Each structure stands twice: as C-alpha cells, then as structure tokens.
Protein backbone atom coordinates (compact mmCIF):
# COMPACT_ATOMS: atom_id res chain seq x y z
CA MET A 1 -6.91 16.06 91.81
CA ASN A 2 -4.02 18.24 90.69
CA ALA A 3 -3.03 15.82 88.00
CA LEU A 4 -6.47 16.31 86.30
CA LEU A 5 -6.29 20.19 86.36
CA PHE A 6 -4.13 20.51 83.27
CA PRO A 7 -5.91 17.97 81.10
CA GLY A 8 -9.22 19.29 82.17
CA SER A 9 -8.06 22.83 81.21
CA MET A 10 -6.99 21.70 77.91
CA ILE A 11 -10.38 20.00 77.27
CA ALA A 12 -12.09 23.25 78.16
CA LEU A 13 -9.82 25.11 75.65
CA ALA A 14 -10.72 22.66 73.09
CA PHE A 15 -14.33 23.22 73.60
CA SER A 16 -13.85 27.01 73.44
CA PHE A 17 -12.01 26.43 70.14
CA PHE A 18 -14.89 24.08 69.01
CA PHE A 19 -17.66 26.63 69.79
CA SER A 20 -15.93 29.74 68.33
CA GLY A 21 -14.99 27.90 65.15
CA MET A 22 -18.72 26.46 64.67
CA GLU A 23 -20.08 29.95 64.92
CA THR A 24 -17.62 31.15 62.26
CA ALA A 25 -18.46 28.19 60.02
CA PHE A 26 -22.20 28.73 60.54
CA ARG A 27 -22.04 32.34 59.30
CA HIS A 28 -20.34 31.26 56.14
CA VAL A 29 -22.72 28.46 54.98
CA HIS A 30 -26.08 28.72 53.36
CA MET A 31 -28.33 25.66 52.96
CA ASP A 32 -29.73 26.72 49.62
CA ARG A 33 -26.29 26.19 48.16
CA VAL A 34 -25.85 22.63 49.66
CA PRO A 35 -27.22 19.85 47.37
CA VAL A 36 -29.51 17.41 48.99
CA GLY A 37 -27.52 14.07 49.48
CA LYS A 38 -24.18 15.64 49.62
CA TYR A 39 -23.84 14.84 53.35
CA PRO A 40 -25.29 12.20 55.53
CA ARG A 41 -28.85 12.51 56.63
CA LEU A 42 -28.29 13.24 60.48
CA PRO A 43 -25.87 16.05 59.88
CA TYR A 44 -27.95 17.60 57.11
CA ASP A 45 -31.08 17.56 59.29
CA ILE A 46 -29.22 19.16 62.24
CA ILE A 47 -27.84 22.02 60.33
CA SER A 48 -31.13 22.50 58.49
CA TYR A 49 -32.78 22.72 61.90
CA PHE A 50 -30.54 25.43 63.05
CA MET A 51 -30.63 27.34 59.75
CA LYS A 52 -34.37 27.99 60.70
CA ARG A 53 -33.37 28.93 64.33
CA PRO A 54 -30.07 30.72 63.89
CA THR A 55 -30.41 32.50 67.32
CA TRP A 56 -30.49 29.09 69.04
CA PHE A 57 -27.27 28.03 67.14
CA VAL A 58 -25.47 31.37 68.15
CA GLY A 59 -26.85 31.20 71.61
CA THR A 60 -25.49 27.69 72.15
CA THR A 61 -22.09 28.78 70.85
CA ARG A 62 -21.96 31.69 73.15
CA VAL A 63 -23.04 29.92 76.21
CA GLY A 64 -20.83 26.93 75.50
CA ASN A 65 -17.85 29.24 74.89
CA THR A 66 -18.40 31.13 77.98
CA LEU A 67 -18.64 27.96 80.24
CA ALA A 68 -15.47 26.61 78.36
CA LEU A 69 -13.51 29.99 79.02
CA ALA A 70 -14.69 29.93 82.64
CA GLY A 71 -13.55 26.23 83.12
CA PHE A 72 -10.16 26.84 81.37
CA SER A 73 -9.36 30.00 83.35
CA PHE A 74 -10.37 28.35 86.69
CA GLY A 75 -8.53 25.20 85.96
CA MET A 76 -5.27 26.97 84.69
CA ALA A 77 -5.23 29.20 87.74
CA LEU A 78 -5.50 26.25 90.15
CA TRP A 79 -2.83 24.39 88.21
CA MET A 80 -0.27 27.38 88.05
CA ALA A 81 -0.70 28.47 91.67
CA PRO A 82 1.53 26.06 93.24
CA ALA A 83 4.31 26.56 90.78
CA PHE A 84 4.18 30.33 90.97
CA GLY A 85 3.68 30.31 94.73
CA ALA A 86 6.89 28.25 95.27
CA GLN A 87 8.73 30.47 92.88
CA PHE A 88 7.77 33.86 94.09
CA GLY A 89 6.28 33.30 97.54
CA PRO A 90 3.13 34.86 99.05
CA GLN A 91 4.52 38.33 99.19
CA TYR A 92 4.47 38.52 95.34
CA MET A 93 0.70 37.50 94.95
CA THR A 94 -0.09 40.38 92.69
CA LEU A 95 2.72 39.38 90.27
CA GLN A 96 1.49 35.80 90.32
CA VAL A 97 -2.09 36.80 89.37
CA LEU A 98 -0.74 39.05 86.65
CA LEU A 99 1.33 36.32 85.08
CA GLN A 100 -1.39 33.72 85.22
CA THR A 101 -3.86 36.37 83.50
CA LEU A 102 -1.34 37.00 80.78
CA ILE A 103 -0.59 33.30 80.09
CA THR A 104 -4.29 32.42 80.17
CA THR A 105 -5.25 35.44 77.90
CA ALA A 106 -2.66 34.55 75.40
CA LEU A 107 -3.61 31.05 75.11
CA LEU A 108 -7.31 31.91 74.71
CA THR A 109 -6.68 34.62 72.16
CA PHE A 110 -4.46 32.50 70.03
CA THR A 111 -6.76 29.28 70.22
CA SER A 112 -10.26 30.66 70.40
CA ASP A 113 -10.09 33.76 68.43
CA ILE A 114 -7.27 33.50 65.87
CA LEU A 115 -6.63 29.75 65.30
CA SER A 116 -10.22 28.68 65.25
CA HIS A 117 -11.42 31.50 62.81
CA ARG A 118 -8.60 30.63 60.49
CA ILE A 119 -9.08 26.84 60.42
CA PHE A 120 -12.87 26.86 60.22
CA ARG A 121 -12.98 29.40 57.39
CA LEU A 122 -10.78 27.12 55.28
CA SER A 123 -13.67 24.81 54.55
CA PRO A 124 -16.61 26.10 56.51
CA GLU A 125 -19.25 23.77 54.90
CA ARG A 126 -17.33 20.55 55.19
CA ILE A 127 -16.30 21.17 58.84
CA LEU A 128 -19.73 22.39 59.91
CA PHE A 129 -21.43 19.20 58.67
CA ALA A 130 -18.72 16.95 60.06
CA LEU A 131 -19.09 18.37 63.52
CA ALA A 132 -22.88 18.69 63.42
CA PRO A 133 -23.65 15.64 65.52
CA LEU A 134 -21.25 16.74 68.34
CA PHE A 135 -22.79 20.20 68.29
CA GLY A 136 -26.32 18.70 68.33
CA LEU A 137 -25.26 16.85 71.61
CA CYS A 138 -24.04 20.07 73.00
CA PHE A 139 -27.25 21.81 72.20
CA VAL A 140 -29.27 19.29 74.04
CA LEU A 141 -27.00 19.58 77.19
CA LEU A 142 -26.91 23.39 77.12
CA PHE A 143 -30.57 24.02 76.13
CA TRP A 144 -31.74 24.61 79.75
CA LEU A 145 -29.34 27.62 80.13
CA MET A 146 -29.37 28.82 76.51
CA TYR A 147 -33.11 29.18 75.94
CA PRO A 148 -33.90 31.50 78.90
CA LEU A 149 -30.97 33.71 77.99
CA VAL A 150 -32.02 34.07 74.36
CA SER A 151 -35.62 34.72 75.42
CA LEU A 152 -34.41 37.39 77.91
CA SER A 153 -32.32 38.99 75.08
CA ARG A 154 -35.36 38.98 72.76
CA TRP A 155 -37.56 40.53 75.57
CA ILE A 156 -34.99 43.38 76.30
CA THR A 157 -34.66 44.23 72.61
CA LEU A 158 -38.34 44.37 72.04
CA ARG A 159 -39.82 45.63 75.32
CA VAL A 160 -37.01 47.73 76.85
CA LEU A 161 -35.05 48.99 73.91
CA HIS A 162 -38.03 49.08 71.52
CA LEU A 163 -35.85 47.87 68.66
CA PRO A 164 -36.74 45.35 65.82
CA TYR A 165 -35.78 41.89 66.45
CA ASN A 166 -35.19 39.67 63.31
CA ASP A 167 -34.50 35.92 63.78
CA GLN A 168 -33.72 35.41 60.14
CA ARG A 169 -30.42 35.19 58.49
CA PRO A 170 -29.64 37.32 55.36
CA VAL A 171 -29.68 35.23 52.28
CA PHE A 172 -26.69 36.99 50.84
CA GLY A 173 -24.52 39.23 52.89
CA PHE A 174 -21.41 41.36 52.47
CA THR A 175 -19.22 38.33 53.48
CA ASP A 176 -20.76 36.23 50.85
CA LEU A 177 -20.42 38.99 48.23
CA ASN A 178 -16.78 39.37 48.99
CA GLN A 179 -16.11 35.59 48.74
CA TYR A 180 -17.88 35.68 45.34
CA LEU A 181 -15.81 38.53 44.03
CA LYS A 182 -12.54 36.78 45.18
CA LYS A 183 -13.60 33.77 43.09
CA ILE A 184 -14.54 35.63 39.92
CA TYR A 185 -11.33 37.73 40.29
CA ASN A 186 -9.18 34.72 39.85
CA VAL A 187 -11.07 33.65 36.69
CA LYS A 188 -9.56 34.60 33.30
CA PRO A 189 -12.28 36.84 31.76
CA ASP A 190 -13.18 35.53 28.34
CA ALA A 191 -15.55 38.21 27.75
CA GLU A 192 -16.29 41.90 28.75
CA VAL A 193 -19.39 40.71 30.62
CA LEU A 194 -17.19 39.25 33.52
CA HIS A 195 -15.52 42.53 33.91
CA VAL A 196 -18.80 44.48 34.05
CA ASP A 197 -20.02 41.98 36.51
CA LYS A 198 -17.12 42.46 38.93
CA LYS A 199 -17.33 46.17 38.46
CA ILE A 200 -20.98 46.35 39.46
CA PHE A 201 -20.49 44.16 42.57
CA TYR A 202 -17.46 46.24 43.79
CA ASN A 203 -19.60 49.41 43.28
CA ALA A 204 -22.33 47.91 45.24
CA LEU A 205 -19.98 47.20 48.12
CA GLU A 206 -18.60 50.73 48.04
CA PHE A 207 -22.03 52.27 47.56
CA LYS A 208 -22.68 52.49 51.36
CA THR A 209 -19.84 54.99 51.61
CA VAL A 210 -20.58 57.20 48.61
CA LYS A 211 -21.59 60.84 49.36
CA VAL A 212 -24.09 62.89 47.54
CA ARG A 213 -21.52 65.31 46.27
CA GLU A 214 -19.71 62.46 44.35
CA CYS A 215 -22.74 61.85 42.10
CA MET A 216 -24.40 65.24 41.81
CA ILE A 217 -24.51 67.56 38.72
CA PRO A 218 -22.56 70.72 39.49
CA ARG A 219 -24.20 74.04 39.99
CA THR A 220 -22.79 75.49 36.79
CA GLU A 221 -24.56 72.87 34.65
CA ILE A 222 -28.07 73.30 36.19
CA THR A 223 -30.81 74.15 33.73
CA ALA A 224 -32.95 76.63 35.73
CA THR A 225 -35.61 79.36 35.31
CA GLU A 226 -36.73 82.08 37.60
CA ILE A 227 -40.19 81.63 39.11
CA ASN A 228 -41.53 84.86 37.81
CA GLU A 229 -40.64 84.24 34.15
CA SER A 230 -43.27 83.49 31.61
CA ILE A 231 -44.49 79.94 30.52
CA GLY A 232 -42.88 80.78 27.17
CA THR A 233 -39.44 81.14 28.80
CA LEU A 234 -39.92 77.85 30.59
CA ARG A 235 -40.94 76.18 27.33
CA GLU A 236 -37.71 77.39 25.70
CA ALA A 237 -35.66 76.06 28.60
CA PHE A 238 -37.14 72.52 28.00
CA VAL A 239 -36.55 72.75 24.25
CA GLU A 240 -32.94 73.97 24.51
CA SER A 241 -31.79 71.63 27.18
CA GLY A 242 -33.79 68.44 26.16
CA HIS A 243 -34.48 67.65 29.88
CA SER A 244 -37.72 66.65 31.13
CA LYS A 245 -37.36 68.61 34.39
CA VAL A 246 -36.18 72.19 34.94
CA ILE A 247 -35.16 73.64 38.31
CA ILE A 248 -37.22 76.75 39.45
CA TYR A 249 -35.57 79.27 41.68
CA ASN A 250 -36.66 82.59 43.34
CA GLN A 251 -34.44 85.53 42.24
CA VAL A 252 -31.19 83.66 42.79
CA ILE A 253 -30.15 80.01 42.09
CA ASP A 254 -29.27 79.57 45.81
CA ASP A 255 -33.03 79.80 46.59
CA VAL A 256 -34.42 76.84 44.72
CA VAL A 257 -38.30 76.43 45.32
CA GLY A 258 -38.97 73.38 43.21
CA TYR A 259 -38.97 72.10 39.67
CA CYS A 260 -41.29 71.66 36.67
CA HIS A 261 -41.92 68.59 34.50
CA SER A 262 -42.41 69.00 30.80
CA SER A 263 -45.62 67.16 30.87
CA SER A 264 -47.11 69.75 33.04
CA LEU A 265 -47.19 72.12 30.03
CA PHE A 266 -50.03 70.21 28.55
CA LYS A 267 -52.16 71.54 31.36
CA LYS A 268 -51.85 74.94 29.75
CA PRO A 269 -50.80 76.72 32.99
CA GLN A 270 -50.79 80.54 33.11
CA HIS A 271 -47.91 80.80 35.60
CA ILE A 272 -44.94 78.77 36.56
CA ARG A 273 -46.31 78.50 40.11
CA ASP A 274 -49.35 76.60 38.81
CA ILE A 275 -47.14 73.54 37.89
CA LEU A 276 -44.42 73.85 40.53
CA THR A 277 -43.47 70.56 42.27
CA PRO A 278 -41.71 70.60 45.61
CA ILE A 279 -38.18 69.41 45.57
CA ILE A 280 -36.10 67.41 48.09
CA ILE A 281 -33.26 69.38 49.74
CA VAL A 282 -30.20 67.28 50.79
CA ALA A 283 -26.74 68.19 52.15
CA GLU A 284 -23.82 67.38 49.90
CA THR A 285 -22.20 65.26 52.82
CA SER A 286 -25.20 63.03 52.95
CA LEU A 287 -24.98 59.30 51.97
CA ALA A 288 -26.21 58.41 48.48
CA ASN A 289 -27.91 55.21 49.78
CA GLU A 290 -29.96 57.20 52.28
CA LEU A 291 -31.01 59.58 49.58
CA MET A 292 -32.07 56.75 47.36
CA ILE A 293 -34.26 55.39 50.21
CA ARG A 294 -35.74 58.85 50.49
CA PHE A 295 -36.52 59.09 46.76
CA ILE A 296 -38.30 55.76 47.07
CA ASN A 297 -40.32 56.70 50.11
CA GLU A 298 -41.26 60.07 48.85
CA ARG A 299 -41.72 58.92 45.24
CA LYS A 300 -39.46 61.70 44.04
CA SER A 301 -36.66 61.56 41.55
CA LEU A 302 -34.80 64.83 41.91
CA ALA A 303 -33.15 66.68 44.82
CA VAL A 304 -31.23 69.95 45.26
CA VAL A 305 -27.79 69.66 46.92
CA VAL A 306 -26.85 72.37 49.33
CA ASP A 307 -23.55 73.09 50.96
CA GLU A 308 -22.60 73.88 54.50
CA PHE A 309 -23.76 77.55 54.11
CA GLY A 310 -27.18 76.63 52.53
CA GLY A 311 -26.12 77.68 49.05
CA THR A 312 -26.90 75.42 45.96
CA SER A 313 -24.01 73.02 45.07
CA GLY A 314 -25.85 71.07 42.39
CA ILE A 315 -28.74 68.70 41.81
CA VAL A 316 -28.93 65.02 41.96
CA SER A 317 -31.53 62.67 40.35
CA MET A 318 -32.35 59.05 40.98
CA GLU A 319 -30.56 58.16 37.76
CA ASP A 320 -27.37 59.76 39.06
CA VAL A 321 -27.40 57.74 42.26
CA ILE A 322 -28.10 54.52 40.29
CA GLU A 323 -25.22 55.16 38.05
CA GLU A 324 -22.84 54.90 41.04
CA ILE A 325 -23.63 51.16 40.98
CA PHE A 326 -24.35 50.37 37.36
CA GLY A 327 -22.11 52.84 35.65
CA ASP A 328 -23.32 55.51 33.12
CA ILE A 329 -26.89 55.11 31.93
CA GLU A 330 -27.23 56.74 28.45
CA ASP A 331 -30.45 58.07 27.15
CA GLU A 332 -31.46 59.95 24.07
CA HIS A 333 -30.61 63.26 25.58
CA ASP A 334 -27.11 62.54 26.72
CA GLU A 335 -24.32 64.04 24.75
CA ASP A 336 -20.81 62.60 24.79
CA THR A 337 -18.93 65.92 25.28
CA LEU A 338 -16.12 64.61 27.41
CA VAL A 339 -12.87 64.78 25.48
CA GLU A 340 -10.45 61.90 25.93
CA GLN A 341 -7.53 61.70 23.40
CA GLN A 342 -3.97 60.35 23.60
CA GLN A 343 -1.91 62.43 21.37
CA ASP A 344 1.41 60.47 22.04
CA ASP A 345 3.03 58.22 24.56
CA HIS A 346 3.43 61.17 27.02
CA THR A 347 0.68 63.64 26.16
CA TYR A 348 -3.13 63.44 26.61
CA LEU A 349 -6.03 65.85 25.93
CA VAL A 350 -8.86 65.19 28.44
CA SER A 351 -11.89 66.91 29.74
CA ALA A 352 -11.60 68.59 33.12
CA ARG A 353 -14.80 66.92 34.14
CA LEU A 354 -13.26 63.55 34.10
CA GLU A 355 -13.00 62.02 37.54
CA ILE A 356 -9.70 61.32 39.19
CA ASP A 357 -10.56 57.72 40.03
CA TYR A 358 -11.42 57.10 36.45
CA LEU A 359 -8.19 58.63 34.96
CA ASN A 360 -6.10 56.68 37.67
CA GLU A 361 -7.88 53.57 36.65
CA THR A 362 -7.81 53.99 32.92
CA TYR A 363 -4.25 55.37 32.34
CA GLY A 364 -2.47 54.00 35.33
CA TRP A 365 -1.80 57.42 36.74
CA LYS A 366 -1.39 58.31 40.29
CA LEU A 367 -3.23 61.61 40.62
CA PRO A 368 -3.72 62.55 44.22
CA GLU A 369 -7.14 62.51 45.79
CA GLY A 370 -8.62 65.15 48.01
CA GLU A 371 -11.77 67.24 48.49
CA TYR A 372 -12.32 67.27 44.82
CA GLU A 373 -13.61 64.54 42.45
CA THR A 374 -12.57 65.67 38.97
CA LEU A 375 -9.33 66.79 37.18
CA GLY A 376 -10.66 70.29 37.19
CA GLY A 377 -11.04 70.24 40.93
CA LEU A 378 -7.42 69.14 41.29
CA ILE A 379 -6.25 72.02 39.06
CA LEU A 380 -8.22 74.54 41.02
CA ALA A 381 -6.70 73.21 44.15
CA LEU A 382 -3.28 73.76 42.70
CA ALA A 383 -3.97 77.18 41.19
CA GLU A 384 -5.98 78.47 44.13
CA ASP A 385 -7.67 80.72 41.54
CA PHE A 386 -9.55 80.35 38.29
CA PRO A 387 -6.92 79.47 35.69
CA LYS A 388 -6.67 81.20 32.26
CA THR A 389 -6.28 79.45 28.85
CA GLY A 390 -2.77 78.58 28.16
CA GLN A 391 -1.71 78.66 31.84
CA ALA A 392 0.22 75.65 32.96
CA PHE A 393 0.63 73.92 36.34
CA HIS A 394 3.44 71.53 37.23
CA MET A 395 2.99 68.68 39.77
CA PRO A 396 5.69 66.15 38.99
CA PRO A 397 5.48 64.02 36.97
CA TYR A 398 2.43 65.74 35.50
CA THR A 399 2.09 69.14 33.77
CA PHE A 400 -1.44 70.46 33.25
CA THR A 401 -1.98 72.95 30.50
CA ILE A 402 -5.33 74.78 30.27
CA GLN A 403 -6.60 74.33 26.58
CA SER A 404 -9.94 75.91 26.97
CA THR A 405 -12.46 77.43 29.51
CA LEU A 406 -16.17 77.61 29.40
CA ASP A 407 -17.76 80.45 31.39
CA ASN A 408 -16.70 79.75 34.97
CA ARG A 409 -15.34 76.28 34.52
CA ILE A 410 -12.33 74.50 32.89
CA GLY A 411 -13.06 72.91 29.55
CA THR A 412 -10.12 70.80 28.22
CA VAL A 413 -6.72 70.13 29.68
CA LYS A 414 -3.52 68.83 28.21
CA VAL A 415 -1.71 66.42 30.50
CA THR A 416 1.97 65.89 29.80
CA LEU A 417 3.90 63.15 31.64
CA GLU A 418 7.61 63.31 32.17
CA LYS A 419 9.36 60.52 30.24
CA ALA A 420 11.18 59.45 33.40
CA GLU A 421 7.81 58.42 34.84
CA GLU A 422 7.16 56.21 31.89
CA THR A 423 10.53 54.42 32.07
CA ALA A 424 10.44 54.02 35.87
C-alpha cells in the first residue's frame, strides 16, 4: 500500500496540472479563428461542444482540479508521515505537519499554477485540441458532480445575489487584444496606417482608466453667456466662437444652468430661458467611459465638469471623450493654434497647452507627471504662482522661459535642454 502512495500522488499532481492548463488554454482559443478541417473531427467536435457551454468546461476543470489537489495532498501526507515520524518523533507533530504542508504547497504552486500556465500558453490551440479526447472522458466521469455544483452556482447568482448570469464567452477580450498588439508590434510598419492601428488599440486598452479631467476643455476656454443676457448677445457668442453650443450660467460661471444650441435660434425665442437645455454635471475625477455611457443613455453630448468644491473646472463633450481613443477629430471650426517649433538642437518653442505625455513621446523628453496634464500645469506647479512673460524656471536638464501669456493662462514657452542631456 505504501509503495503506491507516491506514484498515486504524482498521478494526482499530473491531473491537477492537466486541469489547470486546460482552463488556461480554453480561455485563449476562439473557434471562429480555427479553420474547419485543421484538426481531427473528434477533438474539433468536443471543443465546439464546450465553446457553446463554457461554464461546463470551467466547472469540469475546477471540480477535477479540486479532486486532484485533495488526492495529492492526502497521498503525500500519508507517504511523508513515516519518514518525518522516525526523524522527529511524536513530540514534534506540529513541526511535521508544517513541513508536510510547505512541501505540498510548494509542489502544487509550481506545478499547477506556474508551470501549467506557462506551458499551455505557449501553444494553447494545439494543446487544447490534442488533449480534447482525454478531457471529454474526464467530463463524462465528473458530470454527476459538476452539473449540480454549476446549477447551484447559477441559482445563487440569480436568486440570492440578484446578479446577471451570462453563460457566453466574450468574442474578443482584453487578453486577445493584448496578444494582437504584441503581434503587430513586432511587424515592421510599411505604412503609417499600422502605427495608427496600434495607437488606437493601445488607447482603447487604457480608456478604462482615463479620468474626465484628462479630456475636458478648461474653464478659461469656455464660451458662455449669462442667462439674463439678450438673444442678440447669445447670437454674437455663436458667431464669434463658431460653436454649435454655448454654455449658459447664472451670474457666475460656477453656476452653470444649461446650454443653448444654435439651431434653437430659428425658433425666434424671446429669452434665453426659452431655449435652455439641461446639462449633465460630472465630477472631474469620474471615469470617461462611464460618462460616455451616460451620454448615450441620456442622449446628451455635453457635460459641465466640477471640482471637489462644486466650482466649474471645464466642459467635456462626446467628441472630447471619443478623441481619447481615436485621437484628435478635426472639424471646420477647429483652429490649429498650438505652437510647436524646433529652433535648434537644444531649443524648442511650444504651446503651454501641449500635454506632457505627447511631449515625452514626440521628443523623447522625460518631463515628470503629476496632478497636471499639460506643460503649463507643470510650470505652474514649479512657479507656485502665475508667471510673467520672460520669467524662466530651471528644472535640470530643462529650462522653461515664458514667451507669452494670454489673460490668465500661459501662451507659449521656450524649452531649452542642457547639452549634457543630449550627449548622455
């Protein structure tokens, strides 16, 4: 009996390795990308069957893995007990149990968690179809235990927790998108289209972490009119700005009450209140993807962004949110006013509105990131006050010299790099 404990434990460990790896491979394979006839009929039919019932596949791997882990742990404990008992004696029973637990856990972690995931991810499709017949046999043997557990899980999710239960796999998930990006990253781009393609996908991956304040139009650039002004004043605001929407506030810009659309002027209103449209109010720390869903659900395209004190930080439109994924979307009203000139190898003249990420990516700089988004925000953080024209700020290896200011914001900045930075 004792001679069979170690081989039996190793067989149980092998099955744990098998079930963990099969689940990993299953999550990386999609049948719509597997040509018919590429693999034998039996494995293809088995995997196709489980692709329509993913919870049964995962349930089988979890049940099988749990039984294998229990068998391995029990077998190893019985196999190691005589050796540890003779070595330490009954008075050190706690130490024996501790050593057995550490050895068993180390073997399980390395084999079932680390090694299986690495091996099965090398070629998940080929391994999955090769081992499909064996998995199908395991499914038949474990169905009596797996099916009640999966049904119980579904019942608890729907009836007790009142949460949605979806039995379908996503066609294209974040893991697949990451794999696709790795493939096209290694391809030598023969055209600019490939670079744009990669940029869009990377933006889509990062979009779930983008905050509203990163894509809003700042307060100082808002075109707004007081609610008690005349229709003629509102009409002039539309003409001068070229925008189709104008923000309406009550006495101060911190009390935004809505906006007016230029098409509403055709209704010949007597007062601004007659054509006022309610506006969405969102915190600057909110996620941009949540705001996009709100835009769609409420059929709105403009929101006012407020800070922690309730003051107006800026506004954000549906176009601003979409640009976080697809890049700048130019229309007939956009004016390219951002200055970006390289005067020599060490001197640049740029607009303070250019984003830190853009400057670092374009010029290979290493400007620090912080609570600001633009070069102007970095300079204000250094100055701790509004700078004057001609004032310079040194942050090795960069020197920022203010070239112009516009009202209450920085216009253009001369950035000078120390020559040592260039030769380093």
